[in-house]
C-alpha atoms as a PDB file:
ATOM      1  CA  MET A   1      10.897 -26.825 -55.744  1.00  0.00           C
ATOM      2  CA  LYS A   2       7.802 -29.015 -55.907  1.00  0.00           C
ATOM      3  CA  ARG A   3       6.263 -30.389 -52.735  1.00  0.00           C
ATOM      4  CA  ARG A   4       3.361 -32.842 -52.492  1.00  0.00           C
ATOM      5  CA  LYS A   5      -0.361 -32.462 -52.048  1.00  0.00           C
ATOM      6  CA  PHE A   6      -2.320 -35.372 -50.662  1.00  0.00           C
ATOM      7  CA  VAL A   7      -5.977 -35.801 -51.560  1.00  0.00           C
ATOM      8  CA  ASN A   8      -7.825 -38.280 -49.384  1.00  0.00           C
ATOM      9  CA  HIS A   9     -11.162 -39.709 -50.545  1.00  0.00           C
ATOM     10  CA  MET A  10     -13.084 -40.874 -47.476  1.00  0.00           C
ATOM     11  CA  GLY A  11     -16.842 -41.129 -47.261  1.00  0.00           C
ATOM     12  CA  PHE A  12     -18.607 -40.113 -44.094  1.00  0.00           C
ATOM     13  CA  GLY A  13     -22.179 -39.994 -42.970  1.00  0.00           C
ATOM     14  CA  VAL A  14     -24.640 -42.818 -43.578  1.00  0.00           C
ATOM     15  CA  ALA A  15     -22.060 -45.511 -44.369  1.00  0.00           C
ATOM     16  CA  ALA A  16     -18.422 -44.447 -44.253  1.00  0.00           C
ATOM     17  CA  THR A  17     -15.826 -46.037 -46.492  1.00  0.00           C
ATOM     18  CA  VAL A  18     -12.150 -45.336 -47.036  1.00  0.00           C
ATOM     19  CA  VAL A  19     -10.705 -44.969 -50.509  1.00  0.00           C
ATOM     20  CA  PRO A  20      -6.932 -45.035 -51.110  1.00  0.00           C
ATOM     21  CA  GLN A  21      -5.407 -41.574 -51.126  1.00  0.00           C
ATOM     22  CA  THR A  22      -4.233 -39.928 -54.324  1.00  0.00           C
ATOM     23  CA  LEU A  23      -0.827 -38.261 -54.463  1.00  0.00           C
ATOM     24  CA  ILE A  24      -0.744 -34.930 -56.298  1.00  0.00           C
ATOM     25  CA  SER A  25       2.123 -32.497 -56.882  1.00  0.00           C
ATOM     26  CA  PHE A  26       1.824 -28.800 -56.169  1.00  0.00           C
ATOM     27  CA  LYS A  27       3.706 -25.554 -55.655  1.00  0.00           C
ATOM     28  CA  PRO A  28       3.550 -24.236 -52.080  1.00  0.00           C
ATOM     29  CA  ASN A  29       2.005 -20.855 -51.387  1.00  0.00           C
ATOM     30  CA  ARG A  30       4.586 -18.466 -49.918  1.00  0.00           C
ATOM     31  CA  ASP A  31       2.118 -15.841 -48.724  1.00  0.00           C
ATOM     32  CA  LYS A  32      -0.168 -17.723 -46.333  1.00  0.00           C
ATOM     33  CA  LYS A  33      -1.743 -15.241 -43.933  1.00  0.00           C
ATOM     34  CA  ILE A  34      -4.601 -17.297 -42.543  1.00  0.00           C
ATOM     35  CA  ALA A  35      -5.227 -15.968 -39.060  1.00  0.00           C
ATOM     36  CA  LYS A  36      -7.200 -18.888 -37.637  1.00  0.00           C
ATOM     37  CA  PRO A  37      -9.087 -21.976 -38.856  1.00  0.00           C
ATOM     38  CA  LEU A  38     -11.852 -21.083 -41.300  1.00  0.00           C
ATOM     39  CA  LYS A  39     -14.876 -23.319 -41.752  1.00  0.00           C
ATOM     40  CA  PHE A  40     -17.594 -23.000 -44.396  1.00  0.00           C
ATOM     41  CA  GLY A  41     -20.550 -25.036 -45.651  1.00  0.00           C
ATOM     42  CA  ILE A  42     -21.025 -25.878 -49.332  1.00  0.00           C
ATOM     43  CA  VAL A  43     -24.129 -27.013 -51.175  1.00  0.00           C
ATOM     44  CA  SER A  44     -25.032 -27.142 -54.854  1.00  0.00           C
ATOM     45  CA  ASP A  45     -27.910 -27.915 -57.207  1.00  0.00           C
ATOM     46  CA  VAL A  46     -30.719 -28.110 -54.663  1.00  0.00           C
ATOM     47  CA  HIS A  47     -33.284 -27.535 -57.466  1.00  0.00           C
ATOM     48  CA  LYS A  48     -36.125 -26.373 -55.257  1.00  0.00           C
ATOM     49  CA  ASP A  49     -38.517 -26.219 -58.221  1.00  0.00           C
ATOM     50  CA  LEU A  50     -37.972 -29.821 -59.336  1.00  0.00           C
ATOM     51  CA  ILE A  51     -38.004 -31.882 -56.151  1.00  0.00           C
ATOM     52  CA  PRO A  52     -40.770 -31.976 -53.508  1.00  0.00           C
ATOM     53  CA  ASP A  53     -38.608 -32.259 -50.389  1.00  0.00           C
ATOM     54  CA  ALA A  54     -36.129 -29.442 -51.123  1.00  0.00           C
ATOM     55  CA  ASP A  55     -37.141 -27.542 -47.968  1.00  0.00           C
ATOM     56  CA  GLU A  56     -36.371 -30.490 -45.704  1.00  0.00           C
ATOM     57  CA  ARG A  57     -33.056 -31.074 -47.454  1.00  0.00           C
ATOM     58  CA  LEU A  58     -31.963 -27.465 -47.040  1.00  0.00           C
ATOM     59  CA  GLU A  59     -33.069 -27.450 -43.395  1.00  0.00           C
ATOM     60  CA  LYS A  60     -30.708 -30.356 -42.661  1.00  0.00           C
ATOM     61  CA  PHE A  61     -27.827 -28.494 -44.255  1.00  0.00           C
ATOM     62  CA  ILE A  62     -28.546 -25.316 -42.291  1.00  0.00           C
ATOM     63  CA  ALA A  63     -28.844 -27.341 -39.073  1.00  0.00           C
ATOM     64  CA  THR A  64     -25.452 -28.944 -39.728  1.00  0.00           C
ATOM     65  CA  ALA A  65     -23.845 -25.613 -40.615  1.00  0.00           C
ATOM     66  CA  THR A  66     -25.225 -24.084 -37.434  1.00  0.00           C
ATOM     67  CA  ALA A  67     -24.202 -27.017 -35.237  1.00  0.00           C
ATOM     68  CA  GLN A  68     -20.675 -26.997 -36.652  1.00  0.00           C
ATOM     69  CA  LYS A  69     -20.448 -23.215 -36.258  1.00  0.00           C
ATOM     70  CA  VAL A  70     -19.251 -22.606 -39.789  1.00  0.00           C
ATOM     71  CA  ASP A  71     -18.089 -19.089 -40.609  1.00  0.00           C
ATOM     72  CA  PHE A  72     -20.197 -18.833 -43.774  1.00  0.00           C
ATOM     73  CA  ILE A  73     -22.220 -20.872 -46.242  1.00  0.00           C
ATOM     74  CA  ILE A  74     -22.254 -20.833 -50.031  1.00  0.00           C
ATOM     75  CA  GLN A  75     -24.514 -22.419 -52.631  1.00  0.00           C
ATOM     76  CA  LEU A  76     -23.088 -23.130 -56.094  1.00  0.00           C
ATOM     77  CA  GLY A  77     -26.167 -22.547 -58.231  1.00  0.00           C
ATOM     78  CA  ASP A  78     -29.402 -24.127 -59.499  1.00  0.00           C
ATOM     79  CA  PHE A  79     -30.967 -23.136 -56.195  1.00  0.00           C
ATOM     80  CA  CYS A  80     -34.471 -21.771 -56.843  1.00  0.00           C
ATOM     81  CA  PHE A  81     -36.445 -19.522 -59.178  1.00  0.00           C
ATOM     82  CA  ALA A  82     -37.282 -15.934 -58.239  1.00  0.00           C
ATOM     83  CA  ASP A  83     -40.872 -16.919 -57.515  1.00  0.00           C
ATOM     84  CA  PRO A  84     -42.904 -15.706 -54.498  1.00  0.00           C
ATOM     85  CA  LYS A  85     -43.784 -19.325 -53.723  1.00  0.00           C
ATOM     86  CA  ASN A  86     -40.092 -19.891 -52.973  1.00  0.00           C
ATOM     87  CA  LEU A  87     -39.873 -17.241 -50.254  1.00  0.00           C
ATOM     88  CA  ASP A  88     -40.267 -19.845 -47.498  1.00  0.00           C
ATOM     89  CA  PHE A  89     -37.445 -21.884 -49.026  1.00  0.00           C
ATOM     90  CA  LEU A  90     -35.278 -18.788 -49.233  1.00  0.00           C
ATOM     91  CA  GLY A  91     -36.183 -18.056 -45.636  1.00  0.00           C
ATOM     92  CA  ILE A  92     -34.608 -21.373 -44.604  1.00  0.00           C
ATOM     93  CA  TRP A  93     -31.367 -20.252 -46.236  1.00  0.00           C
ATOM     94  CA  GLU A  94     -31.606 -16.830 -44.613  1.00  0.00           C
ATOM     95  CA  SER A  95     -32.107 -18.424 -41.194  1.00  0.00           C
ATOM     96  CA  PHE A  96     -28.408 -19.168 -41.000  1.00  0.00           C
ATOM     97  CA  GLN A  97     -26.947 -16.616 -38.608  1.00  0.00           C
ATOM     98  CA  GLY A  98     -23.839 -15.728 -40.573  1.00  0.00           C
ATOM     99  CA  PRO A  99     -22.637 -14.598 -44.012  1.00  0.00           C
ATOM    100  CA  LYS A 100     -24.288 -16.311 -46.981  1.00  0.00           C
ATOM    101  CA  PHE A 101     -23.020 -16.334 -50.568  1.00  0.00           C
ATOM    102  CA  HIS A 102     -24.582 -17.287 -53.896  1.00  0.00           C
ATOM    103  CA  VAL A 103     -23.355 -18.503 -57.282  1.00  0.00           C
ATOM    104  CA  LEU A 104     -25.659 -18.266 -60.289  1.00  0.00           C
ATOM    105  CA  GLY A 105     -26.508 -21.569 -61.961  1.00  0.00           C
ATOM    106  CA  ASN A 106     -27.832 -21.940 -65.489  1.00  0.00           C
ATOM    107  CA  HIS A 107     -31.257 -23.204 -64.420  1.00  0.00           C
ATOM    108  CA  ASP A 108     -31.746 -20.240 -62.109  1.00  0.00           C
ATOM    109  CA  MET A 109     -32.459 -18.332 -65.320  1.00  0.00           C
ATOM    110  CA  ASP A 110     -35.017 -20.823 -66.641  1.00  0.00           C
ATOM    111  CA  LYS A 111     -37.792 -18.345 -65.810  1.00  0.00           C
ATOM    112  CA  ASN A 112     -35.952 -15.211 -64.712  1.00  0.00           C
ATOM    113  CA  SER A 113     -33.319 -12.702 -65.738  1.00  0.00           C
ATOM    114  CA  LYS A 114     -30.047 -12.366 -63.874  1.00  0.00           C
ATOM    115  CA  SER A 115     -31.139  -9.050 -62.378  1.00  0.00           C
ATOM    116  CA  GLU A 116     -34.315 -10.668 -61.040  1.00  0.00           C
ATOM    117  CA  MET A 117     -32.260 -13.431 -59.444  1.00  0.00           C
ATOM    118  CA  LEU A 118     -29.888 -10.928 -57.851  1.00  0.00           C
ATOM    119  CA  ASP A 119     -32.823  -9.045 -56.358  1.00  0.00           C
ATOM    120  CA  PHE A 120     -34.536 -12.194 -55.111  1.00  0.00           C
ATOM    121  CA  TRP A 121     -31.439 -13.660 -53.484  1.00  0.00           C
ATOM    122  CA  GLY A 122     -29.966 -10.352 -52.317  1.00  0.00           C
ATOM    123  CA  MET A 123     -26.839 -11.074 -54.360  1.00  0.00           C
ATOM    124  CA  PRO A 124     -24.706  -7.959 -55.077  1.00  0.00           C
ATOM    125  CA  LYS A 125     -23.336  -8.972 -58.480  1.00  0.00           C
ATOM    126  CA  THR A 126     -23.177 -12.010 -60.756  1.00  0.00           C
ATOM    127  CA  TYR A 127     -19.415 -12.297 -60.188  1.00  0.00           C
ATOM    128  CA  TYR A 128     -17.424 -10.924 -57.260  1.00  0.00           C
ATOM    129  CA  SER A 129     -14.720 -11.712 -54.718  1.00  0.00           C
ATOM    130  CA  TYR A 130     -14.317 -11.430 -50.960  1.00  0.00           C
ATOM    131  CA  ASP A 131     -11.700 -12.063 -48.265  1.00  0.00           C
ATOM    132  CA  PHE A 132     -12.456 -14.066 -45.153  1.00  0.00           C
ATOM    133  CA  ASN A 133      -9.985 -14.780 -42.324  1.00  0.00           C
ATOM    134  CA  GLY A 134      -6.986 -14.539 -44.615  1.00  0.00           C
ATOM    135  CA  VAL A 135      -8.427 -16.492 -47.539  1.00  0.00           C
ATOM    136  CA  HIS A 136      -9.520 -14.978 -50.858  1.00  0.00           C
ATOM    137  CA  PHE A 137     -12.662 -16.285 -52.558  1.00  0.00           C
ATOM    138  CA  ILE A 138     -13.695 -15.623 -56.160  1.00  0.00           C
ATOM    139  CA  VAL A 139     -17.194 -16.271 -57.554  1.00  0.00           C
ATOM    140  CA  LEU A 140     -17.548 -16.528 -61.345  1.00  0.00           C
ATOM    141  CA  ASP A 141     -20.563 -16.339 -63.663  1.00  0.00           C
ATOM    142  CA  ALA A 142     -20.361 -18.682 -66.672  1.00  0.00           C
ATOM    143  CA  ASN A 143     -23.957 -18.135 -67.750  1.00  0.00           C
ATOM    144  CA  PHE A 144     -23.358 -16.463 -71.093  1.00  0.00           C
ATOM    145  CA  LEU A 145     -24.164 -17.333 -74.679  1.00  0.00           C
ATOM    146  CA  TYR A 146     -21.680 -16.452 -77.398  1.00  0.00           C
ATOM    147  CA  GLN A 147     -23.599 -15.579 -80.559  1.00  0.00           C
ATOM    148  CA  ASP A 148     -22.482 -13.574 -83.588  1.00  0.00           C
ATOM    149  CA  GLY A 149     -19.364 -12.422 -81.791  1.00  0.00           C
ATOM    150  CA  LYS A 150     -21.247 -11.123 -78.734  1.00  0.00           C
ATOM    151  CA  PHE A 151     -21.757 -12.382 -75.196  1.00  0.00           C
ATOM    152  CA  VAL A 152     -25.423 -12.612 -74.181  1.00  0.00           C
ATOM    153  CA  ASP A 153     -26.672 -13.090 -70.618  1.00  0.00           C
ATOM    154  CA  TYR A 154     -28.744 -16.158 -69.859  1.00  0.00           C
ATOM    155  CA  GLU A 155     -32.352 -15.041 -69.422  1.00  0.00           C
ATOM    156  CA  ARG A 156     -35.667 -16.888 -69.374  1.00  0.00           C
ATOM    157  CA  ALA A 157     -34.349 -20.119 -70.884  1.00  0.00           C
ATOM    158  CA  ASN A 158     -32.686 -18.488 -73.898  1.00  0.00           C
ATOM    159  CA  PHE A 159     -29.747 -20.853 -73.371  1.00  0.00           C
ATOM    160  CA  TYR A 160     -31.630 -23.912 -74.668  1.00  0.00           C
ATOM    161  CA  VAL A 161     -29.780 -23.641 -77.968  1.00  0.00           C
ATOM    162  CA  ASN A 162     -26.910 -25.374 -79.726  1.00  0.00           C
ATOM    163  CA  ASP A 163     -24.448 -26.458 -77.065  1.00  0.00           C
ATOM    164  CA  ASN A 164     -21.561 -24.742 -78.846  1.00  0.00           C
ATOM    165  CA  GLU A 165     -23.185 -21.358 -78.177  1.00  0.00           C
ATOM    166  CA  ARG A 166     -23.586 -21.617 -74.415  1.00  0.00           C
ATOM    167  CA  THR A 167     -21.571 -21.811 -71.167  1.00  0.00           C
ATOM    168  CA  TYR A 168     -19.107 -18.962 -71.624  1.00  0.00           C
ATOM    169  CA  ILE A 169     -17.448 -16.411 -69.361  1.00  0.00           C
ATOM    170  CA  ASN A 170     -17.505 -12.980 -70.994  1.00  0.00           C
ATOM    171  CA  ASP A 171     -14.354 -11.010 -71.826  1.00  0.00           C
ATOM    172  CA  GLU A 172     -15.024  -8.241 -69.306  1.00  0.00           C
ATOM    173  CA  GLN A 173     -15.277 -10.776 -66.500  1.00  0.00           C
ATOM    174  CA  ILE A 174     -12.128 -12.602 -67.618  1.00  0.00           C
ATOM    175  CA  ALA A 175     -10.172  -9.341 -67.472  1.00  0.00           C
ATOM    176  CA  TRP A 176     -11.591  -8.677 -64.004  1.00  0.00           C
ATOM    177  CA  PHE A 177     -10.765 -12.240 -62.869  1.00  0.00           C
ATOM    178  CA  LYS A 178      -7.152 -11.935 -64.035  1.00  0.00           C
ATOM    179  CA  GLY A 179      -6.698  -8.614 -62.287  1.00  0.00           C
ATOM    180  CA  ASP A 180      -8.404  -9.746 -59.091  1.00  0.00           C
ATOM    181  CA  LEU A 181      -6.368 -12.937 -58.822  1.00  0.00           C
ATOM    182  CA  GLU A 182      -3.080 -11.191 -59.597  1.00  0.00           C
ATOM    183  CA  ALA A 183      -3.779  -8.493 -57.013  1.00  0.00           C
ATOM    184  CA  THR A 184      -4.294 -10.808 -54.028  1.00  0.00           C
ATOM    185  CA  LYS A 185      -1.472 -12.345 -52.004  1.00  0.00           C
ATOM    186  CA  LEU A 186      -3.856 -14.633 -50.154  1.00  0.00           C
ATOM    187  CA  PRO A 187      -4.504 -18.337 -50.778  1.00  0.00           C
ATOM    188  CA  THR A 188      -7.543 -18.471 -53.044  1.00  0.00           C
ATOM    189  CA  ILE A 189     -10.564 -20.647 -53.800  1.00  0.00           C
ATOM    190  CA  VAL A 190     -12.500 -20.144 -57.034  1.00  0.00           C
ATOM    191  CA  PHE A 191     -16.218 -20.981 -57.121  1.00  0.00           C
ATOM    192  CA  SER A 192     -18.267 -21.461 -60.286  1.00  0.00           C
ATOM    193  CA  HIS A 193     -21.425 -23.307 -61.216  1.00  0.00           C
ATOM    194  CA  GLN A 194     -20.065 -24.932 -64.364  1.00  0.00           C
ATOM    195  CA  SER A 195     -16.722 -26.700 -64.374  1.00  0.00           C
ATOM    196  CA  LEU A 196     -13.549 -24.799 -65.219  1.00  0.00           C
ATOM    197  CA  TRP A 197     -11.930 -27.989 -66.527  1.00  0.00           C
ATOM    198  CA  HIS A 198     -14.499 -30.537 -67.777  1.00  0.00           C
ATOM    199  CA  TYR A 199     -13.984 -31.338 -71.456  1.00  0.00           C
ATOM    200  CA  GLN A 200     -17.685 -31.955 -72.163  1.00  0.00           C
ATOM    201  CA  TRP A 201     -19.785 -30.104 -69.578  1.00  0.00           C
ATOM    202  CA  GLY A 202     -17.361 -27.337 -68.704  1.00  0.00           C
ATOM    203  CA  ILE A 203     -16.995 -23.708 -69.704  1.00  0.00           C
ATOM    204  CA  LYS A 204     -16.280 -23.385 -73.421  1.00  0.00           C
ATOM    205  CA  ASN A 205     -13.516 -20.796 -73.066  1.00  0.00           C
ATOM    206  CA  ARG A 206     -12.042 -22.605 -70.079  1.00  0.00           C
ATOM    207  CA  LEU A 207      -8.507 -22.683 -71.554  1.00  0.00           C
ATOM    208  CA  THR A 208      -8.253 -18.928 -71.062  1.00  0.00           C
ATOM    209  CA  ILE A 209      -9.347 -19.308 -67.429  1.00  0.00           C
ATOM    210  CA  GLN A 210      -6.975 -22.241 -66.904  1.00  0.00           C
ATOM    211  CA  LYS A 211      -3.988 -20.229 -68.146  1.00  0.00           C
ATOM    212  CA  ILE A 212      -4.795 -17.507 -65.619  1.00  0.00           C
ATOM    213  CA  LEU A 213      -5.138 -20.077 -62.841  1.00  0.00           C
ATOM    214  CA  GLU A 214      -1.912 -21.832 -63.757  1.00  0.00           C
ATOM    215  CA  ALA A 215       0.017 -18.536 -63.920  1.00  0.00           C
ATOM    216  CA  ASN A 216      -1.105 -17.995 -60.298  1.00  0.00           C
ATOM    217  CA  GLU A 217      -0.840 -21.614 -59.222  1.00  0.00           C
ATOM    218  CA  SER A 218       0.944 -20.914 -55.950  1.00  0.00           C
ATOM    219  CA  LYS A 219      -2.119 -18.989 -54.710  1.00  0.00           C
ATOM    220  CA  ILE A 220      -4.793 -21.528 -55.673  1.00  0.00           C
ATOM    221  CA  ILE A 221      -6.126 -23.899 -53.025  1.00  0.00           C
ATOM    222  CA  CYS A 222      -8.720 -25.348 -55.403  1.00  0.00           C
ATOM    223  CA  CYS A 223     -11.607 -24.610 -57.741  1.00  0.00           C
ATOM    224  CA  MET A 224     -15.083 -25.877 -56.816  1.00  0.00           C
ATOM    225  CA  ASN A 225     -18.155 -26.243 -59.031  1.00  0.00           C
ATOM    226  CA  GLY A 226     -21.565 -27.882 -59.187  1.00  0.00           C
ATOM    227  CA  HIS A 227     -23.732 -28.329 -62.311  1.00  0.00           C
ATOM    228  CA  ASN A 228     -22.723 -31.877 -63.273  1.00  0.00           C
ATOM    229  CA  HIS A 229     -24.267 -33.581 -60.231  1.00  0.00           C
ATOM    230  CA  LEU A 230     -21.039 -35.531 -59.837  1.00  0.00           C
ATOM    231  CA  ASP A 231     -18.770 -36.389 -56.933  1.00  0.00           C
ATOM    232  CA  PHE A 232     -15.409 -36.024 -58.633  1.00  0.00           C
ATOM    233  CA  HIS A 233     -11.897 -34.654 -58.360  1.00  0.00           C
ATOM    234  CA  HIS A 234      -9.573 -33.682 -61.196  1.00  0.00           C
ATOM    235  CA  GLN A 235      -6.025 -32.368 -60.966  1.00  0.00           C
ATOM    236  CA  GLN A 236      -4.527 -30.582 -63.950  1.00  0.00           C
ATOM    237  CA  ASN A 237      -1.276 -28.639 -64.203  1.00  0.00           C
ATOM    238  CA  GLY A 238      -1.102 -28.130 -60.459  1.00  0.00           C
ATOM    239  CA  ILE A 239      -4.718 -26.996 -60.020  1.00  0.00           C
ATOM    240  CA  ASP A 240      -7.295 -29.069 -58.098  1.00  0.00           C
ATOM    241  CA  TYR A 241     -10.854 -29.030 -59.451  1.00  0.00           C
ATOM    242  CA  ILE A 242     -13.539 -30.433 -57.148  1.00  0.00           C
ATOM    243  CA  GLU A 243     -17.019 -31.308 -58.417  1.00  0.00           C
ATOM    244  CA  VAL A 244     -19.664 -30.808 -55.723  1.00  0.00           C
ATOM    245  CA  ASN A 245     -22.517 -33.273 -56.134  1.00  0.00           C
ATOM    246  CA  SER A 246     -26.120 -32.130 -56.196  1.00  0.00           C
ATOM    247  CA  MET A 247     -27.828 -31.948 -52.838  1.00  0.00           C
ATOM    248  CA  SER A 248     -30.806 -33.739 -54.318  1.00  0.00           C
ATOM    249  CA  TYR A 249     -30.599 -35.995 -57.359  1.00  0.00           C
ATOM    250  CA  GLN A 250     -29.280 -37.144 -60.708  1.00  0.00           C
ATOM    251  CA  TRP A 251     -31.320 -36.490 -63.877  1.00  0.00           C
ATOM    252  CA  MET A 252     -32.381 -39.675 -65.693  1.00  0.00           C
ATOM    253  CA  SER A 253     -33.525 -40.152 -69.265  1.00  0.00           C
ATOM    254  CA  GLU A 254     -35.293 -43.204 -70.643  1.00  0.00           C
ATOM    255  CA  PRO A 255     -35.138 -46.063 -69.844  1.00  0.00           C
ATOM    256  CA  TYR A 256     -34.146 -45.151 -66.271  1.00  0.00           C
ATOM    257  CA  THR A 257     -37.098 -42.920 -65.373  1.00  0.00           C
ATOM    258  CA  SER A 258     -39.428 -44.100 -62.624  1.00  0.00           C
ATOM    259  CA  ALA A 259     -42.684 -43.032 -60.958  1.00  0.00           C
ATOM    260  CA  ASP A 260     -41.997 -45.134 -57.865  1.00  0.00           C
ATOM    261  CA  ARG A 261     -39.350 -43.121 -56.040  1.00  0.00           C
ATOM    262  CA  PHE A 262     -41.765 -40.654 -54.388  1.00  0.00           C
ATOM    263  CA  PRO A 263     -45.356 -40.833 -53.124  1.00  0.00           C
ATOM    264  CA  LYS A 264     -47.717 -40.925 -56.099  1.00  0.00           C
ATOM    265  CA  HIS A 265     -49.409 -37.576 -55.464  1.00  0.00           C
ATOM    266  CA  TYR A 266     -46.141 -35.715 -56.038  1.00  0.00           C
ATOM    267  CA  TYR A 267     -45.985 -36.825 -59.664  1.00  0.00           C
ATOM    268  CA  LYS A 268     -49.045 -34.731 -60.509  1.00  0.00           C
ATOM    269  CA  GLU A 269     -47.477 -31.595 -59.046  1.00  0.00           C
ATOM    270  CA  TYR A 270     -43.922 -32.109 -60.303  1.00  0.00           C
ATOM    271  CA  GLY A 271     -44.058 -32.983 -63.973  1.00  0.00           C
ATOM    272  CA  ASN A 272     -40.367 -33.839 -64.303  1.00  0.00           C
ATOM    273  CA  LEU A 273     -40.261 -36.029 -61.210  1.00  0.00           C
ATOM    274  CA  PRO A 274     -39.955 -39.343 -63.123  1.00  0.00           C
ATOM    275  CA  HIS A 275     -36.555 -38.070 -64.303  1.00  0.00           C
ATOM    276  CA  ILE A 276     -35.380 -37.444 -60.727  1.00  0.00           C
ATOM    277  CA  ALA A 277     -33.220 -40.251 -59.321  1.00  0.00           C
ATOM    278  CA  ALA A 278     -33.057 -38.787 -55.836  1.00  0.00           C
ATOM    279  CA  TYR A 279     -30.628 -39.335 -53.016  1.00  0.00           C
ATOM    280  CA  LYS A 280     -32.162 -40.538 -49.750  1.00  0.00           C
ATOM    281  CA  ASP A 281     -30.284 -37.916 -47.732  1.00  0.00           C
ATOM    282  CA  PRO A 282     -29.249 -34.394 -48.739  1.00  0.00           C
ATOM    283  CA  LEU A 283     -25.644 -34.138 -49.892  1.00  0.00           C
ATOM    284  CA  TYR A 284     -23.389 -31.253 -48.894  1.00  0.00           C
ATOM    285  CA  ALA A 285     -19.926 -30.634 -47.483  1.00  0.00           C
ATOM    286  CA  VAL A 286     -18.176 -28.681 -44.748  1.00  0.00           C
ATOM    287  CA  ALA A 287     -14.667 -27.415 -45.486  1.00  0.00           C
ATOM    288  CA  THR A 288     -12.092 -26.403 -42.881  1.00  0.00           C
ATOM    289  CA  ILE A 289      -8.999 -24.411 -43.836  1.00  0.00           C
ATOM    290  CA  ASP A 290      -6.168 -24.541 -41.310  1.00  0.00           C
ATOM    291  CA  PRO A 291      -3.462 -21.864 -40.930  1.00  0.00           C
ATOM    292  CA  LYS A 292      -0.843 -24.610 -41.329  1.00  0.00           C
ATOM    293  CA  GLY A 293      -1.843 -24.968 -44.985  1.00  0.00           C
ATOM    294  CA  THR A 294      -4.406 -27.760 -45.140  1.00  0.00           C
ATOM    295  CA  MET A 295      -7.997 -27.862 -46.303  1.00  0.00           C
ATOM    296  CA  GLN A 296     -10.228 -30.685 -45.079  1.00  0.00           C
ATOM    297  CA  ILE A 297     -13.523 -31.286 -46.866  1.00  0.00           C
ATOM    298  CA  GLU A 298     -16.044 -33.518 -45.121  1.00  0.00           C
ATOM    299  CA  GLY A 299     -18.914 -34.714 -47.281  1.00  0.00           C
ATOM    300  CA  VAL A 300     -22.093 -36.694 -46.717  1.00  0.00           C
ATOM    301  CA  LYS A 301     -22.564 -40.196 -48.068  1.00  0.00           C
ATOM    302  CA  SER A 302     -26.109 -41.411 -48.734  1.00  0.00           C
ATOM    303  CA  GLU A 303     -27.865 -43.928 -50.981  1.00  0.00           C
ATOM    304  CA  TRP A 304     -30.379 -43.809 -53.832  1.00  0.00           C
ATOM    305  CA  LEU A 305     -34.107 -43.763 -53.336  1.00  0.00           C
ATOM    306  CA  ALA A 306     -35.290 -47.050 -54.807  1.00  0.00           C
ATOM    307  CA  PRO A 307     -35.252 -47.951 -57.568  1.00  0.00           C
ATOM    308  CA  SER A 308     -31.746 -46.673 -58.195  1.00  0.00           C
ATOM    309  CA  PRO A 309     -30.668 -46.108 -61.806  1.00  0.00           C
ATOM    310  CA  TYR A 310     -28.320 -49.059 -61.413  1.00  0.00           C
ATOM    311  CA  ASP A 311     -31.230 -51.248 -60.269  1.00  0.00           C
ATOM    312  CA  MET A 312     -32.790 -50.319 -63.602  1.00  0.00           C
ATOM    313  CA  GLY A 313     -29.758 -51.368 -65.593  1.00  0.00           C
ATOM    314  CA  MET A 314     -27.852 -48.119 -66.090  1.00  0.00           C
ATOM    315  CA  PRO A 315     -24.157 -48.809 -66.837  1.00  0.00           C
ATOM    316  CA  LYS A 316     -21.497 -47.357 -64.577  1.00  0.00           C
ATOM    317  CA  GLY A 317     -18.639 -45.144 -65.653  1.00  0.00           C
ATOM    318  CA  ILE A 318     -20.435 -42.758 -68.024  1.00  0.00           C
ATOM    319  CA  TYR A 319     -17.967 -40.374 -69.702  1.00  0.00           C
ATOM    320  CA  GLY A 320     -15.246 -41.419 -67.275  1.00  0.00           C
ATOM    321  CA  SER A 321     -17.380 -40.521 -64.252  1.00  0.00           C
ATOM    322  CA  GLU A 322     -19.823 -42.470 -62.112  1.00  0.00           C
ATOM    323  CA  PHE A 323     -23.118 -41.214 -60.720  1.00  0.00           C
ATOM    324  CA  THR A 324     -23.117 -41.712 -56.956  1.00  0.00           C
ATOM    325  CA  ALA A 325     -25.222 -40.697 -53.969  1.00  0.00           C
ATOM    326  CA  GLU A 326     -22.343 -39.195 -52.050  1.00  0.00           C
ATOM    327  CA  MET A 327     -19.988 -36.284 -51.575  1.00  0.00           C
ATOM    328  CA  SER A 328     -16.467 -37.478 -50.831  1.00  0.00           C
ATOM    329  CA  ASN A 329     -14.006 -36.312 -48.227  1.00  0.00           C
ATOM    330  CA  TYR A 330     -10.805 -34.609 -49.367  1.00  0.00           C
ATOM    331  CA  LYS A 331      -7.692 -33.368 -47.649  1.00  0.00           C
ATOM    332  CA  LEU A 332      -5.615 -30.824 -49.573  1.00  0.00           C
ATOM    333  CA  LYS A 333      -2.240 -29.347 -48.656  1.00  0.00           C
ATOM    334  CA  PHE A 334      -1.393 -25.967 -50.135  1.00  0.00           C
END
């Protein structure tokens, strides 16, 4: 019998607002074994190598995670290159006194191989799973090309090709994912960098993944991804997909570029900075999973560094989504 899942959208942080709740159907999980409340911090798309204040942004996230005594933190990709100059930035991440998890993003392989990124971050594998306080977590790697019938790892920007050839999950990983998800009896969250549902910017072979998710619907709390720099929720066939906004910015093309959002000297050092429509405050979220079967996500709401893309005439509602300087609040029942 179907029960109901309520998803509340409520901003918090700089200027809180309340958005009417959305009613969503779901199948209840019969095997909840969550021992005690579990809290974790989530951040995505920091892009250390594109924005000058990435260190300060990450420091605020780590300070919040520490103050709220989260059990672990996870970043959903596009974090930083495996470059010695980024060791201080990585040190900020490592300063959190608790477990830390990584997801590979496509731009993390702009200058490096996957193996180099694993070594630099101390990441055990490109895809993996772990249990924490009675919850199962799965991390996927969608950074594969599909060319001439073969899956090819992203490496040193080889993915700047025809869009039809990129953003795949390889067959070996799909088989592992199916087996891993079927084997667990715990409520489960699936992390990926690219969306498992989005029709334009999502994983190309997402239908295969979706069938696996839907066959195990009673176990799934939600799927969470970054990549699109969107604050968005989508519910499909009983599965909740949550887009985690970038910590830092939205990428702008002409005519919405600007050299007035940061101090002038930064534009000489960061060549792509005119394309960066940055958020004034770093965006991130803290999620709390309760043994009673609820998951509360608290996000940060900020504003654009002036001039905002909308100040420059950009239309709202692009591809059914809207660029915003916020990460919404959600409340899920599972």
